[in-house]
Amino acid sequence: MPALQTNFAHDITWLIAAGAVTGMLLRPWGLSEALWAVSGAGLLIVGSLLSWHAAWLAVGRGTDVYLFLAGMMLLAELARAEGLFDWVAAHAVRAARGSPRRLFVLIYLVGIVVTALLSNDATAVVLTPAVYAATRQARTEPLPYLLICAFIANAASFLLPIANPANLVVYASHLPPLGAWLGAFLLPSLLAIGATYLALRATQRGALTERFTHEVALPPLGRAAKLAAAGIGLTAAALLWASASGRQLGAPTFAAALLTLSLVLAIERRNPWPLLREVSWSVLALVAGLFVLVAGLQRTGLLAALGALLGRLARHAGVLAPALAGGGIAAASNVMNNLPVALIAASLGTLHGLAHLRASLLIGVDLGPNLSVTGSLATILWLIALRREQVHIDALSFLKLGVCVMPPALLAALIGAACMHGL
């Protein structure tokens, strides 16, 4: 009887988690992703499938991520409100000189730099509004360029250790030194970035034919906007310092954002509430809900089952083991979201005999989410930024595009990782 009760509890946990993820993906009745994630987490607790104590511990695991996201969202909102994005957009349109292909390349290159130095979440939060402003200035269709923000955010997210908060999670806050990181991930990252560019450019070639006006006025860059730009630069420096010294990224990011915001408010003598109201704070609840959901799934034996499966792969699949492990984790990231999957990958990467698969696991966690709109937090943040500008893309359309873009990039990256490890 106890075994039947346990199996029933596991089945209910799976149903609740699957329902929450489905709700996040399809957003029935227009309800936000955060509401579905939090509701699923709440059902686990109310149904005694997960204790309050276990849920609280799961929420606590995301503290560094909450601080990181809060800092990035504050900086992005400040920069948007002060017109920094409009100023950057005007320069981008002028540099493109009316060529949609040149603008595409410019935005892609900027996306690589922003992702590498400020993280993939920053690309979604900071770059997306700038790209929308650029296309509005140019009076051209925004979606082909906005898609760059979503796909490069994940494709370039293992170029540097700080490029994705999930990297810290996978390595359990013990990132390899920068030299060792580049030795392991530089080639796979360049291959992923190149393959993503080629596939995305091919899918959008029909929308990149009409030239646009590039004689746009340069908006004035006020004192507050310059401070916002300095704050973004300060944040990039803080992230590089934190990564080099083995520290977590959340506190430096939040501190840099808070300092920047405080200076602007003090100098301009403004009320902070109008700006704070515009920040999408529900994202933090979304992340907390995901951590609770994965804690519930871990109690069903998911971690043990995945560990056993990867153990068999390591023993019997030979040179194919890393590719199969990376592909499996990539698929799981699209089902469960890559942040909780990163927690699972961190545990698997410490298991006996699986340490050599960790690079493949990380690539799957970082790049795999380019398949679906709920695969990574960066893509969800990108969707929220699009809704703010009244730009819509449905889950099925993104999936059709992701099928063309993600698999070749993942395959190229995993082959690159195998070459770096001499497999």
Protein backbone atom coordinates (compact mmCIF):
# COMPACT_ATOMS: atom_id res chain seq x y z
CA MET A 1 0.00 0.00 0.00
CA PRO A 2 2.72 2.57 0.81
CA ALA A 3 4.35 1.80 -2.57
CA LEU A 4 1.04 2.47 -4.33
CA GLN A 5 0.66 5.74 -2.47
CA THR A 6 4.21 6.72 -3.42
CA ASN A 7 3.63 5.91 -7.09
CA PHE A 8 0.37 7.85 -7.03
CA ALA A 9 2.15 10.87 -5.50
CA HIS A 10 4.85 10.68 -8.15
CA ASP A 11 2.26 10.51 -10.93
CA ILE A 12 0.41 13.54 -9.55
CA THR A 13 3.70 15.45 -9.28
CA TRP A 14 4.47 14.70 -12.90
CA LEU A 15 0.97 15.80 -13.97
CA ILE A 16 1.24 19.08 -12.07
CA ALA A 17 4.70 19.82 -13.49
CA ALA A 18 3.55 18.93 -17.02
CA GLY A 19 0.46 21.13 -16.62
CA ALA A 20 2.55 24.06 -15.41
CA VAL A 21 4.99 23.77 -18.30
CA THR A 22 2.15 23.40 -20.82
CA GLY A 23 0.49 26.49 -19.39
CA MET A 24 3.76 28.42 -19.68
CA LEU A 25 4.11 27.30 -23.28
CA LEU A 26 0.56 27.94 -24.51
CA ARG A 27 -0.54 30.71 -22.08
CA PRO A 28 -4.27 29.83 -22.23
CA TRP A 29 -6.62 32.73 -21.42
CA GLY A 30 -3.62 35.04 -21.74
CA LEU A 31 -2.33 34.13 -18.28
CA SER A 32 1.37 34.85 -17.74
CA GLU A 33 4.10 32.23 -17.55
CA ALA A 34 4.80 33.25 -13.94
CA LEU A 35 1.24 32.47 -12.87
CA TRP A 36 1.42 28.95 -14.30
CA ALA A 37 4.80 28.23 -12.67
CA VAL A 38 3.73 29.59 -9.28
CA SER A 39 0.38 27.79 -9.44
CA GLY A 40 2.12 24.49 -10.15
CA ALA A 41 4.51 25.04 -7.26
CA GLY A 42 1.61 25.95 -4.98
CA LEU A 43 -0.29 22.78 -5.89
CA LEU A 44 2.72 20.66 -4.95
CA ILE A 45 2.81 22.29 -1.51
CA VAL A 46 -0.94 22.34 -0.87
CA GLY A 47 -1.24 18.72 -1.99
CA SER A 48 1.51 17.70 0.46
CA LEU A 49 3.63 16.46 -2.45
CA LEU A 50 6.41 18.78 -1.30
CA SER A 51 6.85 20.15 2.21
CA TRP A 52 6.95 23.87 2.94
CA HIS A 53 10.50 23.44 4.20
CA ALA A 54 11.65 21.69 1.00
CA ALA A 55 9.91 24.32 -1.12
CA TRP A 56 11.58 27.13 0.84
CA LEU A 57 14.99 25.52 0.38
CA ALA A 58 14.30 25.22 -3.35
CA VAL A 59 13.33 28.89 -3.58
CA GLY A 60 16.50 29.80 -1.70
CA ARG A 61 18.65 28.11 -4.34
CA GLY A 62 17.69 30.85 -6.76
CA THR A 63 18.84 33.82 -4.63
CA ASP A 64 21.80 34.63 -6.87
CA VAL A 65 19.60 34.40 -9.96
CA TYR A 66 16.97 36.73 -8.43
CA LEU A 67 19.59 39.36 -7.62
CA PHE A 68 21.10 39.05 -11.09
CA LEU A 69 17.76 39.42 -12.86
CA ALA A 70 16.60 42.28 -10.65
CA GLY A 71 19.78 44.20 -11.37
CA MET A 72 19.56 43.63 -15.12
CA MET A 73 15.88 44.60 -15.29
CA LEU A 74 16.49 47.79 -13.31
CA LEU A 75 19.34 48.79 -15.61
CA ALA A 76 17.33 47.98 -18.73
CA GLU A 77 14.30 49.95 -17.60
CA LEU A 78 16.45 52.93 -16.63
CA ALA A 79 18.22 52.87 -20.00
CA ARG A 80 14.93 52.57 -21.87
CA ALA A 81 13.27 55.36 -19.91
CA GLU A 82 16.22 57.72 -20.47
CA GLY A 83 16.33 57.15 -24.23
CA LEU A 84 19.65 55.29 -24.35
CA PHE A 85 18.15 52.59 -26.56
CA ASP A 86 16.78 55.14 -29.02
CA TRP A 87 20.24 56.72 -29.27
CA VAL A 88 21.92 53.34 -29.89
CA ALA A 89 19.23 52.43 -32.41
CA ALA A 90 19.75 55.60 -34.43
CA HIS A 91 23.48 54.87 -34.71
CA ALA A 92 22.80 51.28 -35.79
CA VAL A 93 20.38 52.39 -38.52
CA ARG A 94 22.84 54.98 -39.81
CA ALA A 95 25.70 52.44 -39.84
CA ALA A 96 23.57 49.98 -41.85
CA ARG A 97 23.11 52.62 -44.60
CA GLY A 98 19.75 51.25 -45.67
CA SER A 99 20.90 47.62 -46.08
CA PRO A 100 18.76 45.07 -44.20
CA ARG A 101 21.52 42.47 -44.45
CA ARG A 102 24.07 44.87 -42.97
CA LEU A 103 21.69 45.73 -40.13
CA PHE A 104 21.15 42.02 -39.53
CA VAL A 105 24.91 41.45 -39.20
CA LEU A 106 25.38 44.50 -36.96
CA ILE A 107 22.66 43.39 -34.55
CA TYR A 108 24.03 39.84 -34.53
CA LEU A 109 27.53 41.06 -33.63
CA VAL A 110 26.20 43.34 -30.91
CA GLY A 111 24.18 40.41 -29.56
CA ILE A 112 27.34 38.31 -29.27
CA VAL A 113 29.15 41.05 -27.33
CA VAL A 114 26.22 41.79 -25.00
CA THR A 115 25.66 38.09 -24.28
CA ALA A 116 29.35 37.38 -23.63
CA LEU A 117 29.90 40.37 -21.32
CA LEU A 118 26.48 40.84 -19.69
CA SER A 119 24.79 37.42 -20.06
CA ASN A 120 22.03 36.04 -22.25
CA ASP A 121 19.36 37.47 -19.96
CA ALA A 122 20.80 40.94 -20.54
CA THR A 123 20.56 40.39 -24.30
CA ALA A 124 16.86 39.64 -23.91
CA VAL A 125 16.20 42.49 -21.49
CA VAL A 126 18.59 45.20 -22.76
CA LEU A 127 19.10 44.53 -26.48
CA THR A 128 15.53 43.64 -27.49
CA PRO A 129 14.10 47.14 -26.79
CA ALA A 130 17.09 48.68 -28.61
CA VAL A 131 16.49 46.53 -31.67
CA TYR A 132 12.80 47.36 -31.69
CA ALA A 133 13.69 51.06 -31.47
CA ALA A 134 16.12 50.63 -34.39
CA THR A 135 13.53 49.03 -36.66
CA ARG A 136 10.97 51.64 -35.67
CA GLN A 137 13.44 54.36 -36.65
CA ALA A 138 14.11 52.62 -39.96
CA ARG A 139 10.40 51.96 -40.61
CA THR A 140 11.09 48.30 -41.40
CA GLU A 141 9.64 44.98 -40.22
CA PRO A 142 11.09 44.33 -36.72
CA LEU A 143 10.60 40.57 -36.26
CA PRO A 144 13.60 39.26 -38.30
CA TYR A 145 15.92 41.44 -36.23
CA LEU A 146 14.18 40.74 -32.93
CA LEU A 147 14.62 37.01 -33.53
CA ILE A 148 18.38 37.59 -33.40
CA CYS A 149 18.05 38.67 -29.77
CA ALA A 150 16.34 35.40 -28.83
CA PHE A 151 18.66 33.02 -30.67
CA ILE A 152 22.04 34.65 -30.10
CA ALA A 153 21.21 34.98 -26.38
CA ASN A 154 21.44 31.18 -26.11
CA ALA A 155 23.91 30.48 -28.92
CA ALA A 156 26.62 32.71 -27.41
CA SER A 157 25.87 31.86 -23.79
CA PHE A 158 28.87 29.60 -23.23
CA LEU A 159 31.44 31.84 -24.94
CA LEU A 160 32.47 33.15 -21.49
CA PRO A 161 31.63 31.79 -18.03
CA ILE A 162 29.52 34.88 -17.21
CA ALA A 163 27.46 34.65 -20.41
CA ASN A 164 24.73 32.57 -18.76
CA PRO A 165 23.75 32.22 -15.08
CA ALA A 166 23.07 28.55 -15.87
CA ASN A 167 26.84 28.07 -16.29
CA LEU A 168 27.30 28.80 -12.60
CA VAL A 169 24.52 26.38 -11.76
CA VAL A 170 25.97 23.54 -13.86
CA TYR A 171 29.41 23.98 -12.29
CA ALA A 172 27.92 24.47 -8.81
CA SER A 173 29.53 27.96 -8.51
CA HIS A 174 33.00 26.46 -9.11
CA LEU A 175 33.69 27.67 -12.62
CA PRO A 176 36.98 26.67 -14.30
CA PRO A 177 39.58 29.45 -14.74
CA LEU A 178 39.03 31.61 -17.82
CA GLY A 179 41.90 29.97 -19.74
CA ALA A 180 40.58 26.49 -19.07
CA TRP A 181 37.06 27.61 -19.97
CA LEU A 182 38.17 29.00 -23.34
CA GLY A 183 40.18 25.85 -23.99
CA ALA A 184 37.06 23.76 -23.52
CA PHE A 185 34.34 26.00 -24.95
CA LEU A 186 35.80 28.54 -27.41
CA LEU A 187 35.61 26.27 -30.47
CA PRO A 188 32.15 24.84 -29.62
CA SER A 189 30.85 28.35 -28.99
CA LEU A 190 32.19 29.76 -32.26
CA LEU A 191 30.68 26.82 -34.14
CA ALA A 192 27.31 27.33 -32.43
CA ILE A 193 27.35 31.07 -33.15
CA GLY A 194 28.27 30.49 -36.80
CA ALA A 195 25.72 27.73 -37.38
CA THR A 196 22.97 29.76 -35.69
CA TYR A 197 23.77 32.76 -37.89
CA LEU A 198 23.66 30.75 -41.11
CA ALA A 199 20.40 29.01 -40.23
CA LEU A 200 18.68 32.13 -38.94
CA ARG A 201 19.83 34.20 -41.91
CA ALA A 202 18.56 31.51 -44.30
CA THR A 203 15.12 31.41 -42.66
CA GLN A 204 14.81 35.21 -42.77
CA ARG A 205 16.25 35.88 -46.22
CA GLY A 206 12.83 36.68 -47.68
CA ALA A 207 12.29 39.45 -45.12
CA LEU A 208 15.72 41.03 -45.71
CA THR A 209 15.22 42.35 -49.23
CA GLU A 210 13.66 45.81 -48.89
CA ARG A 211 15.97 48.71 -48.16
CA PHE A 212 15.00 51.20 -45.48
CA THR A 213 15.61 54.83 -44.70
CA HIS A 214 18.81 55.48 -42.78
CA GLU A 215 18.67 59.27 -42.57
CA VAL A 216 17.35 59.31 -39.02
CA ALA A 217 17.82 62.02 -36.44
CA LEU A 218 20.18 61.34 -33.55
CA PRO A 219 18.28 61.93 -30.31
CA PRO A 220 20.13 63.87 -27.62
CA LEU A 221 21.87 61.79 -24.99
CA GLY A 222 21.05 63.32 -21.63
CA ARG A 223 22.97 63.13 -18.38
CA ALA A 224 20.76 60.35 -17.00
CA ALA A 225 21.19 58.28 -20.18
CA LYS A 226 24.97 58.63 -19.92
CA LEU A 227 24.81 57.46 -16.32
CA ALA A 228 22.71 54.47 -17.42
CA ALA A 229 25.34 53.61 -20.05
CA ALA A 230 28.06 53.93 -17.42
CA GLY A 231 26.05 51.66 -15.14
CA ILE A 232 25.85 48.99 -17.84
CA GLY A 233 29.62 49.28 -18.33
CA LEU A 234 30.14 49.05 -14.57
CA THR A 235 27.98 45.94 -14.46
CA ALA A 236 30.01 44.29 -17.23
CA ALA A 237 33.22 45.03 -15.32
CA ALA A 238 31.69 43.71 -12.08
CA LEU A 239 30.62 40.49 -13.78
CA LEU A 240 34.08 39.92 -15.25
CA TRP A 241 35.64 40.55 -11.84
CA ALA A 242 33.20 38.22 -10.09
CA SER A 243 33.80 35.48 -12.65
CA ALA A 244 37.59 35.81 -12.44
CA SER A 245 37.54 35.69 -8.64
CA GLY A 246 35.10 32.78 -8.45
CA ARG A 247 32.30 34.82 -6.88
CA GLN A 248 28.59 34.64 -7.60
CA LEU A 249 27.20 37.11 -10.14
CA GLY A 250 23.94 38.23 -8.53
CA ALA A 251 25.15 40.54 -5.78
CA PRO A 252 27.63 42.54 -7.97
CA THR A 253 24.98 42.97 -10.68
CA PHE A 254 22.32 44.15 -8.25
CA ALA A 255 24.77 46.46 -6.46
CA ALA A 256 25.87 48.08 -9.74
CA ALA A 257 22.25 48.58 -10.82
CA LEU A 258 21.23 50.00 -7.43
CA LEU A 259 24.18 52.41 -7.45
CA THR A 260 23.36 53.61 -10.96
CA LEU A 261 19.67 54.05 -10.19
CA SER A 262 20.39 55.89 -6.94
CA LEU A 263 22.75 58.34 -8.69
CA VAL A 264 20.23 59.10 -11.45
CA LEU A 265 17.37 59.61 -8.99
CA ALA A 266 19.50 61.81 -6.74
CA ILE A 267 20.91 63.96 -9.54
CA GLU A 268 17.61 64.28 -11.41
CA ARG A 269 15.55 64.50 -8.17
CA ARG A 270 12.98 61.98 -9.35
CA ASN A 271 10.46 59.67 -7.73
CA PRO A 272 11.59 56.03 -8.23
CA TRP A 273 8.08 54.49 -8.28
CA PRO A 274 7.15 55.21 -11.92
CA LEU A 275 10.29 53.40 -13.08
CA LEU A 276 9.94 50.53 -10.61
CA ARG A 277 6.34 49.93 -11.73
CA GLU A 278 7.53 49.25 -15.28
CA VAL A 279 9.90 46.41 -14.28
CA SER A 280 8.55 42.88 -14.88
CA TRP A 281 8.94 41.67 -11.30
CA SER A 282 6.80 38.62 -12.04
CA VAL A 283 9.89 37.07 -13.66
CA LEU A 284 11.35 36.52 -10.18
CA ALA A 285 8.21 34.61 -9.14
CA LEU A 286 8.51 32.56 -12.34
CA VAL A 287 12.07 31.53 -11.46
CA ALA A 288 11.09 30.67 -7.87
CA GLY A 289 8.21 28.54 -9.14
CA LEU A 290 10.53 26.66 -11.50
CA PHE A 291 12.93 25.86 -8.66
CA VAL A 292 10.08 24.46 -6.59
CA LEU A 293 8.76 22.38 -9.50
CA VAL A 294 12.16 20.79 -10.10
CA ALA A 295 12.47 20.05 -6.37
CA GLY A 296 9.18 18.19 -6.60
CA LEU A 297 10.33 16.26 -9.67
CA GLN A 298 13.55 15.28 -7.95
CA ARG A 299 11.51 13.57 -5.23
CA THR A 300 9.97 11.33 -7.91
CA GLY A 301 13.35 9.73 -8.63
CA LEU A 302 13.97 11.73 -11.81
CA LEU A 303 17.56 12.54 -10.87
CA ALA A 304 18.40 8.93 -10.07
CA ALA A 305 16.85 7.76 -13.35
CA LEU A 306 18.76 10.31 -15.41
CA GLY A 307 21.96 9.46 -13.58
CA ALA A 308 21.49 5.78 -14.32
CA LEU A 309 20.73 6.50 -17.98
CA LEU A 310 23.79 8.70 -18.43
CA GLY A 311 25.87 6.14 -16.57
CA ARG A 312 24.84 3.50 -19.10
CA LEU A 313 25.61 5.93 -21.91
CA ALA A 314 29.08 6.58 -20.54
CA ARG A 315 29.78 2.87 -20.30
CA HIS A 316 28.28 1.61 -23.54
CA ALA A 317 27.92 4.48 -26.04
CA GLY A 318 31.66 5.21 -26.34
CA VAL A 319 32.43 8.31 -28.39
CA LEU A 320 28.70 8.94 -28.88
CA ALA A 321 28.10 9.37 -25.14
CA PRO A 322 28.78 13.15 -25.00
CA ALA A 323 26.55 13.83 -28.01
CA LEU A 324 23.72 11.73 -26.62
CA ALA A 325 24.07 13.32 -23.18
CA GLY A 326 24.09 16.84 -24.62
CA GLY A 327 21.15 16.10 -26.89
CA GLY A 328 19.15 14.55 -24.06
CA ILE A 329 19.74 17.52 -21.74
CA ALA A 330 18.89 19.90 -24.60
CA ALA A 331 15.55 18.14 -25.09
CA ALA A 332 14.87 18.20 -21.35
CA SER A 333 15.59 21.95 -21.25
CA ASN A 334 12.76 22.58 -23.68
CA VAL A 335 10.37 20.47 -21.63
CA MET A 336 11.28 21.76 -18.16
CA ASN A 337 13.15 25.05 -18.83
CA ASN A 338 16.95 25.06 -18.76
CA LEU A 339 17.41 26.67 -15.34
CA PRO A 340 16.02 23.73 -13.34
CA VAL A 341 17.63 21.33 -15.81
CA ALA A 342 20.95 23.02 -15.02
CA LEU A 343 20.44 21.97 -11.39
CA ILE A 344 19.98 18.39 -12.54
CA ALA A 345 23.02 18.61 -14.84
CA ALA A 346 25.11 19.91 -11.92
CA SER A 347 24.24 16.86 -9.87
CA LEU A 348 24.84 14.48 -12.77
CA GLY A 349 28.17 16.08 -13.57
CA THR A 350 29.51 15.15 -10.14
CA LEU A 351 28.52 11.48 -10.41
CA HIS A 352 31.27 8.92 -10.78
CA GLY A 353 32.17 8.33 -14.40
CA LEU A 354 30.16 11.27 -15.74
CA ALA A 355 32.54 14.19 -15.11
CA HIS A 356 33.89 14.03 -18.68
CA LEU A 357 30.34 14.62 -19.96
CA ARG A 358 29.93 17.92 -18.13
CA ALA A 359 30.93 20.07 -21.12
CA SER A 360 28.29 18.35 -23.25
CA LEU A 361 25.72 18.74 -20.48
CA LEU A 362 26.46 22.48 -20.28
CA ILE A 363 26.17 22.91 -24.06
CA GLY A 364 22.82 21.15 -23.96
CA VAL A 365 21.61 23.35 -21.12
CA ASP A 366 22.75 26.58 -22.81
CA LEU A 367 22.04 25.95 -26.49
CA GLY A 368 19.19 23.45 -26.37
CA PRO A 369 16.55 26.04 -25.37
CA ASN A 370 16.71 27.63 -28.83
CA LEU A 371 13.99 25.16 -29.80
CA SER A 372 11.01 26.48 -27.79
CA VAL A 373 9.77 29.73 -26.25
CA THR A 374 9.89 28.31 -22.71
CA GLY A 375 13.30 26.64 -23.05
CA SER A 376 15.28 29.34 -21.28
CA LEU A 377 14.61 32.26 -19.00
CA ALA A 378 16.26 34.52 -21.58
CA THR A 379 13.67 33.54 -24.21
CA ILE A 380 10.83 34.12 -21.75
CA LEU A 381 12.27 37.57 -20.94
CA TRP A 382 12.50 38.20 -24.68
CA LEU A 383 8.81 37.31 -25.10
CA ILE A 384 7.88 39.70 -22.27
CA ALA A 385 9.90 42.47 -23.95
CA LEU A 386 8.09 41.79 -27.25
CA ARG A 387 4.67 41.95 -25.64
CA ARG A 388 5.55 45.31 -24.20
CA GLU A 389 6.10 46.60 -27.73
CA GLN A 390 2.92 44.85 -29.01
CA VAL A 391 4.95 42.43 -31.13
CA HIS A 392 3.57 38.87 -31.15
CA ILE A 393 5.07 35.49 -32.01
CA ASP A 394 3.24 32.31 -31.07
CA ALA A 395 4.85 29.18 -29.63
CA LEU A 396 4.26 27.10 -32.78
CA SER A 397 5.90 29.66 -35.09
CA PHE A 398 8.92 29.84 -32.81
CA LEU A 399 9.11 26.04 -32.65
CA LYS A 400 9.09 25.75 -36.45
CA LEU A 401 11.96 28.23 -36.60
CA GLY A 402 13.78 26.56 -33.70
CA VAL A 403 13.69 23.20 -35.48
CA CYS A 404 15.65 24.78 -38.33
CA VAL A 405 18.11 26.73 -36.17
CA MET A 406 18.88 24.76 -33.00
CA PRO A 407 19.74 21.15 -34.08
CA PRO A 408 22.54 22.05 -36.53
CA ALA A 409 24.06 24.48 -34.01
CA LEU A 410 23.86 21.89 -31.22
CA LEU A 411 25.44 19.22 -33.40
CA ALA A 412 28.25 21.57 -34.46
CA ALA A 413 28.93 22.61 -30.85
CA LEU A 414 28.98 19.01 -29.57
CA ILE A 415 31.37 17.99 -32.36
CA GLY A 416 33.57 20.95 -31.43
CA ALA A 417 33.52 19.91 -27.77
CA ALA A 418 34.48 16.36 -28.73
CA CYS A 419 37.42 17.68 -30.76
CA MET A 420 38.59 19.82 -27.82
CA HIS A 421 38.49 16.76 -25.54
CA GLY A 422 40.25 14.52 -28.07
CA LEU A 423 37.30 12.18 -28.57
